[in-house]
Amino acid sequence: MKDPTGKFRIILPPQKLGEIKNISSRVFSSRVWVSERLNIRYTRCPDRAPWAPKTLRHDVNKNLDQLILCIARVVSQSFLGEELANDPEWLKIAMRVSSSALVAASEISA
């Protein structure tokens, strides 16, 4: 099945999860997928740490908006000063640009 971006996605019913769990990592590797999606080679994000999978799947995704807001504030403070770092309109723009850049980077690397 293709998703809205044109990439192929495999969607399996929950009953098939038992079969997937037993497939060799040479055939199906979530570690390789995560490594490629997070550009581990460049970001050095820890893919082998015991806390990494849960943190990435649950905690980061659940708080993604707050994380992007925090990054927007820090970057704005660093490069543009306190006035823009505390301006809600500017932060909305910065967050939109950041989100768009992440999506674009993901599309380019796919």
PDB file of N, CA and C in Angstrom:
ATOM      1  N   MET A   1       0.842  -1.164   0.000  1.00  0.00           N
ATOM      2  CA  MET A   1       0.000   0.000   0.000  1.00  0.00           C
ATOM      3  C   MET A   1       0.892   1.234   0.000  1.00  0.00           C
ATOM      4  N   LYS A   2       0.494   2.269  -0.732  1.00  0.00           N
ATOM      5  CA  LYS A   2       1.238   3.522  -0.734  1.00  0.00           C
ATOM      6  C   LYS A   2       0.587   4.498   0.230  1.00  0.00           C
ATOM      7  N   ASP A   3       1.439   5.242   0.952  1.00  0.00           N
ATOM      8  CA  ASP A   3       0.910   6.269   1.841  1.00  0.00           C
ATOM      9  C   ASP A   3       0.754   7.564   1.026  1.00  0.00           C
ATOM     10  N   PRO A   4       0.234   8.636   1.631  1.00  0.00           N
ATOM     11  CA  PRO A   4       0.021   9.882   0.881  1.00  0.00           C
ATOM     12  C   PRO A   4       1.280  10.471   0.253  1.00  0.00           C
ATOM     13  N   THR A   5       2.454  10.117   0.759  1.00  0.00           N
ATOM     14  CA  THR A   5       3.691  10.651   0.183  1.00  0.00           C
ATOM     15  C   THR A   5       4.191   9.796  -0.976  1.00  0.00           C
ATOM     16  N   GLY A   6       3.510   8.674  -1.243  1.00  0.00           N
ATOM     17  CA  GLY A   6       3.912   7.804  -2.335  1.00  0.00           C
ATOM     18  C   GLY A   6       4.848   6.684  -1.924  1.00  0.00           C
ATOM     19  N   LYS A   7       5.195   6.612  -0.649  1.00  0.00           N
ATOM     20  CA  LYS A   7       6.072   5.539  -0.164  1.00  0.00           C
ATOM     21  C   LYS A   7       5.234   4.290   0.083  1.00  0.00           C
ATOM     22  N   PHE A   8       5.850   3.142  -0.150  1.00  0.00           N
ATOM     23  CA  PHE A   8       5.168   1.891   0.131  1.00  0.00           C
ATOM     24  C   PHE A   8       5.237   1.593   1.621  1.00  0.00           C
ATOM     25  N   ARG A   9       4.110   1.186   2.176  1.00  0.00           N
ATOM     26  CA  ARG A   9       4.021   0.802   3.589  1.00  0.00           C
ATOM     27  C   ARG A   9       3.382  -0.576   3.665  1.00  0.00           C
ATOM     28  N   ILE A  10       3.869  -1.380   4.568  1.00  0.00           N
ATOM     29  CA  ILE A  10       3.284  -2.697   4.780  1.00  0.00           C
ATOM     30  C   ILE A  10       2.426  -2.620   6.028  1.00  0.00           C
ATOM     31  N   ILE A  11       1.163  -2.959   5.881  1.00  0.00           N
ATOM     32  CA  ILE A  11       0.239  -2.946   7.014  1.00  0.00           C
ATOM     33  C   ILE A  11      -0.225  -4.373   7.228  1.00  0.00           C
ATOM     34  N   LEU A  12       0.055  -4.884   8.412  1.00  0.00           N
ATOM     35  CA  LEU A  12      -0.294  -6.257   8.738  1.00  0.00           C
ATOM     36  C   LEU A  12      -1.341  -6.289   9.836  1.00  0.00           C
ATOM     37  N   PRO A  13      -2.206  -7.286   9.787  1.00  0.00           N
ATOM     38  CA  PRO A  13      -3.175  -7.432  10.878  1.00  0.00           C
ATOM     39  C   PRO A  13      -2.453  -7.892  12.149  1.00  0.00           C
ATOM     40  N   PRO A  14      -2.993  -7.553  13.303  1.00  0.00           N
ATOM     41  CA  PRO A  14      -2.348  -7.915  14.576  1.00  0.00           C
ATOM     42  C   PRO A  14      -2.067  -9.410  14.711  1.00  0.00           C
ATOM     43  N   GLN A  15      -2.874 -10.260  14.075  1.00  0.00           N
ATOM     44  CA  GLN A  15      -2.672 -11.697  14.180  1.00  0.00           C
ATOM     45  C   GLN A  15      -1.329 -12.133  13.604  1.00  0.00           C
ATOM     46  N   LYS A  16      -0.751 -11.351  12.719  1.00  0.00           N
ATOM     47  CA  LYS A  16       0.515 -11.717  12.064  1.00  0.00           C
ATOM     48  C   LYS A  16       1.746 -11.286  12.860  1.00  0.00           C
ATOM     49  N   LEU A  17       1.559 -10.547  13.947  1.00  0.00           N
ATOM     50  CA  LEU A  17       2.703 -10.060  14.713  1.00  0.00           C
ATOM     51  C   LEU A  17       3.571 -11.185  15.269  1.00  0.00           C
ATOM     52  N   GLY A  18       2.958 -12.294  15.654  1.00  0.00           N
ATOM     53  CA  GLY A  18       3.720 -13.431  16.157  1.00  0.00           C
ATOM     54  C   GLY A  18       4.700 -13.950  15.117  1.00  0.00           C
ATOM     55  N   GLU A  19       4.265 -13.997  13.859  1.00  0.00           N
ATOM     56  CA  GLU A  19       5.145 -14.450  12.783  1.00  0.00           C
ATOM     57  C   GLU A  19       6.286 -13.466  12.562  1.00  0.00           C
ATOM     58  N   ILE A  20       5.990 -12.177  12.605  1.00  0.00           N
ATOM     59  CA  ILE A  20       7.001 -11.142  12.377  1.00  0.00           C
ATOM     60  C   ILE A  20       8.071 -11.200  13.461  1.00  0.00           C
ATOM     61  N   LYS A  21       7.667 -11.424  14.704  1.00  0.00           N
ATOM     62  CA  LYS A  21       8.626 -11.478  15.806  1.00  0.00           C
ATOM     63  C   LYS A  21       9.685 -12.552  15.607  1.00  0.00           C
ATOM     64  N   ASN A  22       9.320 -13.626  14.912  1.00  0.00           N
ATOM     65  CA  ASN A  22      10.229 -14.752  14.751  1.00  0.00           C
ATOM     66  C   ASN A  22      11.056 -14.698  13.469  1.00  0.00           C
ATOM     67  N   ILE A  23      10.875 -13.680  12.664  1.00  0.00           N
ATOM     68  CA  ILE A  23      11.639 -13.565  11.421  1.00  0.00           C
ATOM     69  C   ILE A  23      13.075 -13.163  11.746  1.00  0.00           C
ATOM     70  N   SER A  24      14.010 -13.733  11.018  1.00  0.00           N
ATOM     71  CA  SER A  24      15.427 -13.427  11.215  1.00  0.00           C
ATOM     72  C   SER A  24      15.683 -11.933  11.013  1.00  0.00           C
ATOM     73  N   SER A  25      16.608 -11.385  11.791  1.00  0.00           N
ATOM     74  CA  SER A  25      16.942  -9.966  11.652  1.00  0.00           C
ATOM     75  C   SER A  25      17.633  -9.680  10.318  1.00  0.00           C
ATOM     76  N   ARG A  26      18.065 -10.712   9.627  1.00  0.00           N
ATOM     77  CA  ARG A  26      18.637 -10.518   8.291  1.00  0.00           C
ATOM     78  C   ARG A  26      17.547 -10.191   7.269  1.00  0.00           C
ATOM     79  N   VAL A  27      16.321 -10.632   7.559  1.00  0.00           N
ATOM     80  CA  VAL A  27      15.200 -10.398   6.657  1.00  0.00           C
ATOM     81  C   VAL A  27      14.456  -9.126   7.042  1.00  0.00           C
ATOM     82  N   PHE A  28      14.216  -8.980   8.318  1.00  0.00           N
ATOM     83  CA  PHE A  28      13.416  -7.858   8.811  1.00  0.00           C
ATOM     84  C   PHE A  28      14.081  -7.309  10.064  1.00  0.00           C
ATOM     85  N   SER A  29      14.657  -6.123   9.978  1.00  0.00           N
ATOM     86  CA  SER A  29      15.386  -5.583  11.118  1.00  0.00           C
ATOM     87  C   SER A  29      14.852  -4.208  11.502  1.00  0.00           C
ATOM     88  N   SER A  30      14.231  -4.134  12.660  1.00  0.00           N
ATOM     89  CA  SER A  30      13.760  -2.828  13.129  1.00  0.00           C
ATOM     90  C   SER A  30      14.950  -1.945  13.483  1.00  0.00           C
ATOM     91  N   ARG A  31      16.043  -2.558  13.939  1.00  0.00           N
ATOM     92  CA  ARG A  31      17.238  -1.789  14.284  1.00  0.00           C
ATOM     93  C   ARG A  31      17.800  -1.077  13.050  1.00  0.00           C
ATOM     94  N   VAL A  32      17.840  -1.763  11.913  1.00  0.00           N
ATOM     95  CA  VAL A  32      18.326  -1.150  10.675  1.00  0.00           C
ATOM     96  C   VAL A  32      17.387  -0.018  10.267  1.00  0.00           C
ATOM     97  N   TRP A  33      16.069  -0.280  10.362  1.00  0.00           N
ATOM     98  CA  TRP A  33      15.088   0.741   9.992  1.00  0.00           C
ATOM     99  C   TRP A  33      15.263   1.993  10.857  1.00  0.00           C
ATOM    100  N   VAL A  34      15.353   1.799  12.169  1.00  0.00           N
ATOM    101  CA  VAL A  34      15.524   2.929  13.087  1.00  0.00           C
ATOM    102  C   VAL A  34      16.826   3.658  12.773  1.00  0.00           C
ATOM    103  N   SER A  35      17.868   2.916  12.539  1.00  0.00           N
ATOM    104  CA  SER A  35      19.169   3.509  12.237  1.00  0.00           C
ATOM    105  C   SER A  35      19.094   4.382  10.984  1.00  0.00           C
ATOM    106  N   GLU A  36      18.395   3.882   9.962  1.00  0.00           N
ATOM    107  CA  GLU A  36      18.259   4.653   8.729  1.00  0.00           C
ATOM    108  C   GLU A  36      17.359   5.870   8.917  1.00  0.00           C
ATOM    109  N   ARG A  37      16.224   5.699   9.608  1.00  0.00           N
ATOM    110  CA  ARG A  37      15.274   6.802   9.802  1.00  0.00           C
ATOM    111  C   ARG A  37      15.870   7.928  10.645  1.00  0.00           C
ATOM    112  N   LEU A  38      16.690   7.579  11.633  1.00  0.00           N
ATOM    113  CA  LEU A  38      17.253   8.596  12.519  1.00  0.00           C
ATOM    114  C   LEU A  38      18.624   9.082  12.057  1.00  0.00           C
ATOM    115  N   ASN A  39      19.071   8.560  10.915  1.00  0.00           N
ATOM    116  CA  ASN A  39      20.384   8.934  10.388  1.00  0.00           C
ATOM    117  C   ASN A  39      21.452   8.817  11.464  1.00  0.00           C
ATOM    118  N   ILE A  40      21.485   7.652  12.118  1.00  0.00           N
ATOM    119  CA  ILE A  40      22.394   7.394  13.230  1.00  0.00           C
ATOM    120  C   ILE A  40      23.828   7.758  12.884  1.00  0.00           C
ATOM    121  N   ARG A  41      24.203   7.485  11.653  1.00  0.00           N
ATOM    122  CA  ARG A  41      25.561   7.780  11.205  1.00  0.00           C
ATOM    123  C   ARG A  41      25.929   9.244  11.443  1.00  0.00           C
ATOM    124  N   TYR A  42      24.941  10.134  11.272  1.00  0.00           N
ATOM    125  CA  TYR A  42      25.210  11.566  11.387  1.00  0.00           C
ATOM    126  C   TYR A  42      24.794  12.133  12.738  1.00  0.00           C
ATOM    127  N   THR A  43      23.657  11.668  13.273  1.00  0.00           N
ATOM    128  CA  THR A  43      23.138  12.243  14.508  1.00  0.00           C
ATOM    129  C   THR A  43      23.739  11.601  15.750  1.00  0.00           C
ATOM    130  N   ARG A  44      24.261  10.391  15.593  1.00  0.00           N
ATOM    131  CA  ARG A  44      24.810   9.616  16.697  1.00  0.00           C
ATOM    132  C   ARG A  44      23.782   9.356  17.799  1.00  0.00           C
ATOM    133  N   CYS A  45      22.524   9.359  17.411  1.00  0.00           N
ATOM    134  CA  CYS A  45      21.453   9.021  18.348  1.00  0.00           C
ATOM    135  C   CYS A  45      21.652   7.575  18.786  1.00  0.00           C
ATOM    136  N   PRO A  46      21.558   7.287  20.067  1.00  0.00           N
ATOM    137  CA  PRO A  46      21.858   5.925  20.542  1.00  0.00           C
ATOM    138  C   PRO A  46      20.768   4.931  20.154  1.00  0.00           C
ATOM    139  N   ASP A  47      21.038   4.067  19.204  1.00  0.00           N
ATOM    140  CA  ASP A  47      20.048   3.079  18.793  1.00  0.00           C
ATOM    141  C   ASP A  47      20.159   1.785  19.580  1.00  0.00           C
ATOM    142  N   ARG A  48      21.247   1.581  20.290  1.00  0.00           N
ATOM    143  CA  ARG A  48      21.438   0.324  21.002  1.00  0.00           C
ATOM    144  C   ARG A  48      21.227   0.456  22.517  1.00  0.00           C
ATOM    145  N   ALA A  49      20.966   1.642  22.979  1.00  0.00           N
ATOM    146  CA  ALA A  49      20.725   1.822  24.410  1.00  0.00           C
ATOM    147  C   ALA A  49      19.402   1.133  24.770  1.00  0.00           C
ATOM    148  N   PRO A  50      19.321   0.484  25.930  1.00  0.00           N
ATOM    149  CA  PRO A  50      18.103  -0.252  26.285  1.00  0.00           C
ATOM    150  C   PRO A  50      16.870   0.647  26.378  1.00  0.00           C
ATOM    151  N   TRP A  51      17.061   1.915  26.669  1.00  0.00           N
ATOM    152  CA  TRP A  51      15.926   2.820  26.815  1.00  0.00           C
ATOM    153  C   TRP A  51      15.516   3.451  25.481  1.00  0.00           C
ATOM    154  N   ALA A  52      16.342   3.364  24.469  1.00  0.00           N
ATOM    155  CA  ALA A  52      16.098   4.084  23.216  1.00  0.00           C
ATOM    156  C   ALA A  52      14.790   3.706  22.509  1.00  0.00           C
ATOM    157  N   PRO A  53      14.487   2.415  22.292  1.00  0.00           N
ATOM    158  CA  PRO A  53      13.258   2.108  21.555  1.00  0.00           C
ATOM    159  C   PRO A  53      11.995   2.656  22.219  1.00  0.00           C
ATOM    160  N   LYS A  54      11.851   2.442  23.529  1.00  0.00           N
ATOM    161  CA  LYS A  54      10.653   2.933  24.218  1.00  0.00           C
ATOM    162  C   LYS A  54      10.617   4.446  24.205  1.00  0.00           C
ATOM    163  N   THR A  55      11.751   5.055  24.458  1.00  0.00           N
ATOM    164  CA  THR A  55      11.808   6.516  24.488  1.00  0.00           C
ATOM    165  C   THR A  55      11.418   7.094  23.145  1.00  0.00           C
ATOM    166  N   LEU A  56      11.973   6.555  22.079  1.00  0.00           N
ATOM    167  CA  LEU A  56      11.679   7.079  20.748  1.00  0.00           C
ATOM    168  C   LEU A  56      10.242   6.810  20.334  1.00  0.00           C
ATOM    169  N   ARG A  57       9.739   5.603  20.611  1.00  0.00           N
ATOM    170  CA  ARG A  57       8.383   5.253  20.185  1.00  0.00           C
ATOM    171  C   ARG A  57       7.317   5.968  20.994  1.00  0.00           C
ATOM    172  N   HIS A  58       7.516   6.094  22.282  1.00  0.00           N
ATOM    173  CA  HIS A  58       6.450   6.596  23.140  1.00  0.00           C
ATOM    174  C   HIS A  58       6.700   8.015  23.644  1.00  0.00           C
ATOM    175  N   ASP A  59       7.746   8.184  24.409  1.00  0.00           N
ATOM    176  CA  ASP A  59       7.961   9.446  25.107  1.00  0.00           C
ATOM    177  C   ASP A  59       8.208  10.620  24.160  1.00  0.00           C
ATOM    178  N   VAL A  60       9.085  10.428  23.175  1.00  0.00           N
ATOM    179  CA  VAL A  60       9.382  11.529  22.259  1.00  0.00           C
ATOM    180  C   VAL A  60       8.167  11.837  21.402  1.00  0.00           C
ATOM    181  N   ASN A  61       7.510  10.825  20.849  1.00  0.00           N
ATOM    182  CA  ASN A  61       6.341  11.063  20.011  1.00  0.00           C
ATOM    183  C   ASN A  61       5.216  11.738  20.777  1.00  0.00           C
ATOM    184  N   LYS A  62       5.019  11.297  22.014  1.00  0.00           N
ATOM    185  CA  LYS A  62       3.938  11.854  22.834  1.00  0.00           C
ATOM    186  C   LYS A  62       4.180  13.341  23.122  1.00  0.00           C
ATOM    187  N   ASN A  63       5.439  13.719  23.248  1.00  0.00           N
ATOM    188  CA  ASN A  63       5.790  15.094  23.609  1.00  0.00           C
ATOM    189  C   ASN A  63       6.469  15.855  22.468  1.00  0.00           C
ATOM    190  N   LEU A  64       6.216  15.438  21.242  1.00  0.00           N
ATOM    191  CA  LEU A  64       6.911  16.025  20.107  1.00  0.00           C
ATOM    192  C   LEU A  64       6.665  17.523  19.976  1.00  0.00           C
ATOM    193  N   ASP A  65       5.426  17.974  20.175  1.00  0.00           N
ATOM    194  CA  ASP A  65       5.131  19.411  20.070  1.00  0.00           C
ATOM    195  C   ASP A  65       5.930  20.218  21.085  1.00  0.00           C
ATOM    196  N   GLN A  66       6.011  19.710  22.317  1.00  0.00           N
ATOM    197  CA  GLN A  66       6.772  20.415  23.352  1.00  0.00           C
ATOM    198  C   GLN A  66       8.262  20.410  23.038  1.00  0.00           C
ATOM    199  N   LEU A  67       8.746  19.305  22.476  1.00  0.00           N
ATOM    200  CA  LEU A  67      10.150  19.216  22.102  1.00  0.00           C
ATOM    201  C   LEU A  67      10.480  20.222  20.996  1.00  0.00           C
ATOM    202  N   ILE A  68       9.619  20.309  19.992  1.00  0.00           N
ATOM    203  CA  ILE A  68       9.845  21.260  18.899  1.00  0.00           C
ATOM    204  C   ILE A  68       9.768  22.691  19.423  1.00  0.00           C
ATOM    205  N   LEU A  69       8.832  22.973  20.331  1.00  0.00           N
ATOM    206  CA  LEU A  69       8.743  24.306  20.926  1.00  0.00           C
ATOM    207  C   LEU A  69      10.012  24.640  21.697  1.00  0.00           C
ATOM    208  N   CYS A  70      10.513  23.701  22.464  1.00  0.00           N
ATOM    209  CA  CYS A  70      11.745  23.909  23.231  1.00  0.00           C
ATOM    210  C   CYS A  70      12.920  24.197  22.297  1.00  0.00           C
ATOM    211  N   ILE A  71      13.037  23.423  21.236  1.00  0.00           N
ATOM    212  CA  ILE A  71      14.121  23.633  20.268  1.00  0.00           C
ATOM    213  C   ILE A  71      13.976  25.001  19.607  1.00  0.00           C
ATOM    214  N   ALA A  72      12.757  25.369  19.233  1.00  0.00           N
ATOM    215  CA  ALA A  72      12.517  26.677  18.606  1.00  0.00           C
ATOM    216  C   ALA A  72      12.929  27.811  19.548  1.00  0.00           C
ATOM    217  N   ARG A  73      12.612  27.678  20.833  1.00  0.00           N
ATOM    218  CA  ARG A  73      12.988  28.723  21.804  1.00  0.00           C
ATOM    219  C   ARG A  73      14.505  28.826  21.963  1.00  0.00           C
ATOM    220  N   VAL A  74      15.159  27.682  22.098  1.00  0.00           N
ATOM    221  CA  VAL A  74      16.613  27.687  22.297  1.00  0.00           C
ATOM    222  C   VAL A  74      17.320  28.268  21.084  1.00  0.00           C
ATOM    223  N   VAL A  75      16.924  27.835  19.899  1.00  0.00           N
ATOM    224  CA  VAL A  75      17.564  28.337  18.682  1.00  0.00           C
ATOM    225  C   VAL A  75      17.285  29.827  18.510  1.00  0.00           C
ATOM    226  N   SER A  76      16.046  30.237  18.748  1.00  0.00           N
ATOM    227  CA  SER A  76      15.700  31.657  18.629  1.00  0.00           C
ATOM    228  C   SER A  76      16.485  32.505  19.626  1.00  0.00           C
ATOM    229  N   GLN A  77      16.578  32.020  20.855  1.00  0.00           N
ATOM    230  CA  GLN A  77      17.339  32.735  21.886  1.00  0.00           C
ATOM    231  C   GLN A  77      18.804  32.854  21.479  1.00  0.00           C
ATOM    232  N   SER A  78      19.355  31.774  20.961  1.00  0.00           N
ATOM    233  CA  SER A  78      20.772  31.758  20.592  1.00  0.00           C
ATOM    234  C   SER A  78      21.103  32.686  19.439  1.00  0.00           C
ATOM    235  N   PHE A  79      20.251  32.703  18.430  1.00  0.00           N
ATOM    236  CA  PHE A  79      20.575  33.448  17.214  1.00  0.00           C
ATOM    237  C   PHE A  79      19.871  34.797  17.073  1.00  0.00           C
ATOM    238  N   LEU A  80      18.703  34.927  17.712  1.00  0.00           N
ATOM    239  CA  LEU A  80      17.901  36.129  17.471  1.00  0.00           C
ATOM    240  C   LEU A  80      17.626  36.969  18.707  1.00  0.00           C
ATOM    241  N   GLY A  81      17.895  36.426  19.877  1.00  0.00           N
ATOM    242  CA  GLY A  81      17.689  37.194  21.101  1.00  0.00           C
ATOM    243  C   GLY A  81      16.408  36.847  21.834  1.00  0.00           C
ATOM    244  N   GLU A  82      16.322  37.392  23.038  1.00  0.00           N
ATOM    245  CA  GLU A  82      15.230  37.050  23.943  1.00  0.00           C
ATOM    246  C   GLU A  82      13.865  37.521  23.457  1.00  0.00           C
ATOM    247  N   GLU A  83      13.822  38.655  22.795  1.00  0.00           N
ATOM    248  CA  GLU A  83      12.529  39.204  22.355  1.00  0.00           C
ATOM    249  C   GLU A  83      11.799  38.227  21.428  1.00  0.00           C
ATOM    250  N   LEU A  84      12.481  37.741  20.388  1.00  0.00           N
ATOM    251  CA  LEU A  84      11.830  36.790  19.480  1.00  0.00           C
ATOM    252  C   LEU A  84      11.648  35.419  20.126  1.00  0.00           C
ATOM    253  N   ALA A  85      12.538  35.034  20.994  1.00  0.00           N
ATOM    254  CA  ALA A  85      12.418  33.732  21.656  1.00  0.00           C
ATOM    255  C   ALA A  85      11.175  33.640  22.525  1.00  0.00           C
ATOM    256  N   ASN A  86      10.629  34.780  22.924  1.00  0.00           N
ATOM    257  CA  ASN A  86       9.420  34.809  23.754  1.00  0.00           C
ATOM    258  C   ASN A  86       8.189  35.290  23.001  1.00  0.00           C
ATOM    259  N   ASP A  87       8.324  35.512  21.702  1.00  0.00           N
ATOM    260  CA  ASP A  87       7.195  35.981  20.879  1.00  0.00           C
ATOM    261  C   ASP A  87       6.405  34.772  20.358  1.00  0.00           C
ATOM    262  N   PRO A  88       5.148  34.599  20.801  1.00  0.00           N
ATOM    263  CA  PRO A  88       4.355  33.437  20.397  1.00  0.00           C
ATOM    264  C   PRO A  88       4.193  33.305  18.875  1.00  0.00           C
ATOM    265  N   GLU A  89       4.026  34.420  18.186  1.00  0.00           N
ATOM    266  CA  GLU A  89       3.870  34.366  16.721  1.00  0.00           C
ATOM    267  C   GLU A  89       5.154  33.861  16.066  1.00  0.00           C
ATOM    268  N   TRP A  90       6.292  34.371  16.518  1.00  0.00           N
ATOM    269  CA  TRP A  90       7.561  33.922  15.960  1.00  0.00           C
ATOM    270  C   TRP A  90       7.776  32.433  16.232  1.00  0.00           C
ATOM    271  N   LEU A  91       7.443  31.995  17.444  1.00  0.00           N
ATOM    272  CA  LEU A  91       7.635  30.590  17.791  1.00  0.00           C
ATOM    273  C   LEU A  91       6.763  29.676  16.928  1.00  0.00           C
ATOM    274  N   LYS A  92       5.535  30.113  16.599  1.00  0.00           N
ATOM    275  CA  LYS A  92       4.682  29.329  15.697  1.00  0.00           C
ATOM    276  C   LYS A  92       5.356  29.179  14.337  1.00  0.00           C
ATOM    277  N   ILE A  93       5.911  30.273  13.837  1.00  0.00           N
ATOM    278  CA  ILE A  93       6.606  30.234  12.535  1.00  0.00           C
ATOM    279  C   ILE A  93       7.817  29.305  12.612  1.00  0.00           C
ATOM    280  N   ALA A  94       8.613  29.469  13.655  1.00  0.00           N
ATOM    281  CA  ALA A  94       9.819  28.645  13.815  1.00  0.00           C
ATOM    282  C   ALA A  94       9.461  27.161  13.921  1.00  0.00           C
ATOM    283  N   MET A  95       8.390  26.847  14.637  1.00  0.00           N
ATOM    284  CA  MET A  95       7.963  25.460  14.777  1.00  0.00           C
ATOM    285  C   MET A  95       7.489  24.894  13.440  1.00  0.00           C
ATOM    286  N   ARG A  96       6.747  25.699  12.682  1.00  0.00           N
ATOM    287  CA  ARG A  96       6.280  25.246  11.368  1.00  0.00           C
ATOM    288  C   ARG A  96       7.452  24.966  10.439  1.00  0.00           C
ATOM    289  N   VAL A  97       8.422  25.868  10.443  1.00  0.00           N
ATOM    290  CA  VAL A  97       9.608  25.687   9.592  1.00  0.00           C
ATOM    291  C   VAL A  97      10.378  24.442  10.024  1.00  0.00           C
ATOM    292  N   SER A  98      10.543  24.248  11.319  1.00  0.00           N
ATOM    293  CA  SER A  98      11.256  23.065  11.824  1.00  0.00           C
ATOM    294  C   SER A  98      10.553  21.781  11.409  1.00  0.00           C
ATOM    295  N   SER A  99       9.241  21.749  11.583  1.00  0.00           N
ATOM    296  CA  SER A  99       8.471  20.560  11.202  1.00  0.00           C
ATOM    297  C   SER A  99       8.579  20.303   9.709  1.00  0.00           C
ATOM    298  N   SER A 100       8.475  21.349   8.915  1.00  0.00           N
ATOM    299  CA  SER A 100       8.587  21.208   7.460  1.00  0.00           C
ATOM    300  C   SER A 100       9.969  20.706   7.060  1.00  0.00           C
ATOM    301  N   ALA A 101      10.987  21.197   7.729  1.00  0.00           N
ATOM    302  CA  ALA A 101      12.357  20.764   7.430  1.00  0.00           C
ATOM    303  C   ALA A 101      12.543  19.291   7.768  1.00  0.00           C
ATOM    304  N   LEU A 102      11.976  18.829   8.875  1.00  0.00           N
ATOM    305  CA  LEU A 102      12.075  17.411   9.228  1.00  0.00           C
ATOM    306  C   LEU A 102      11.387  16.529   8.202  1.00  0.00           C
ATOM    307  N   VAL A 103      10.193  16.965   7.770  1.00  0.00           N
ATOM    308  CA  VAL A 103       9.464  16.191   6.748  1.00  0.00           C
ATOM    309  C   VAL A 103      10.256  16.174   5.438  1.00  0.00           C
ATOM    310  N   ALA A 104      10.787  17.326   5.048  1.00  0.00           N
ATOM    311  CA  ALA A 104      11.564  17.407   3.807  1.00  0.00           C
ATOM    312  C   ALA A 104      12.803  16.528   3.873  1.00  0.00           C
ATOM    313  N   ALA A 105      13.499  16.548   4.992  1.00  0.00           N
ATOM    314  CA  ALA A 105      14.697  15.726   5.149  1.00  0.00           C
ATOM    315  C   ALA A 105      14.342  14.251   5.064  1.00  0.00           C
ATOM    316  N   SER A 106      13.216  13.891   5.656  1.00  0.00           N
ATOM    317  CA  SER A 106      12.772  12.502   5.600  1.00  0.00           C
ATOM    318  C   SER A 106      12.450  12.096   4.167  1.00  0.00           C
ATOM    319  N   GLU A 107      11.798  12.977   3.430  1.00  0.00           N
ATOM    320  CA  GLU A 107      11.457  12.677   2.039  1.00  0.00           C
ATOM    321  C   GLU A 107      12.685  12.568   1.160  1.00  0.00           C
ATOM    322  N   ILE A 108      13.646  13.437   1.375  1.00  0.00           N
ATOM    323  CA  ILE A 108      14.862  13.425   0.565  1.00  0.00           C
ATOM    324  C   ILE A 108      15.665  12.152   0.806  1.00  0.00           C
ATOM    325  N   SER A 109      15.740  11.731   2.076  1.00  0.00           N
ATOM    326  CA  SER A 109      16.547  10.558   2.398  1.00  0.00           C
ATOM    327  C   SER A 109      15.864   9.242   2.060  1.00  0.00           C
ATOM    328  N   ALA A 110      14.590   9.296   1.733  1.00  0.00           N
ATOM    329  CA  ALA A 110      13.853   8.051   1.431  1.00  0.00           C
ATOM    330  C   ALA A 110      14.124   7.548   0.047  1.00  0.00           C
TER     331      ALA A 110
END
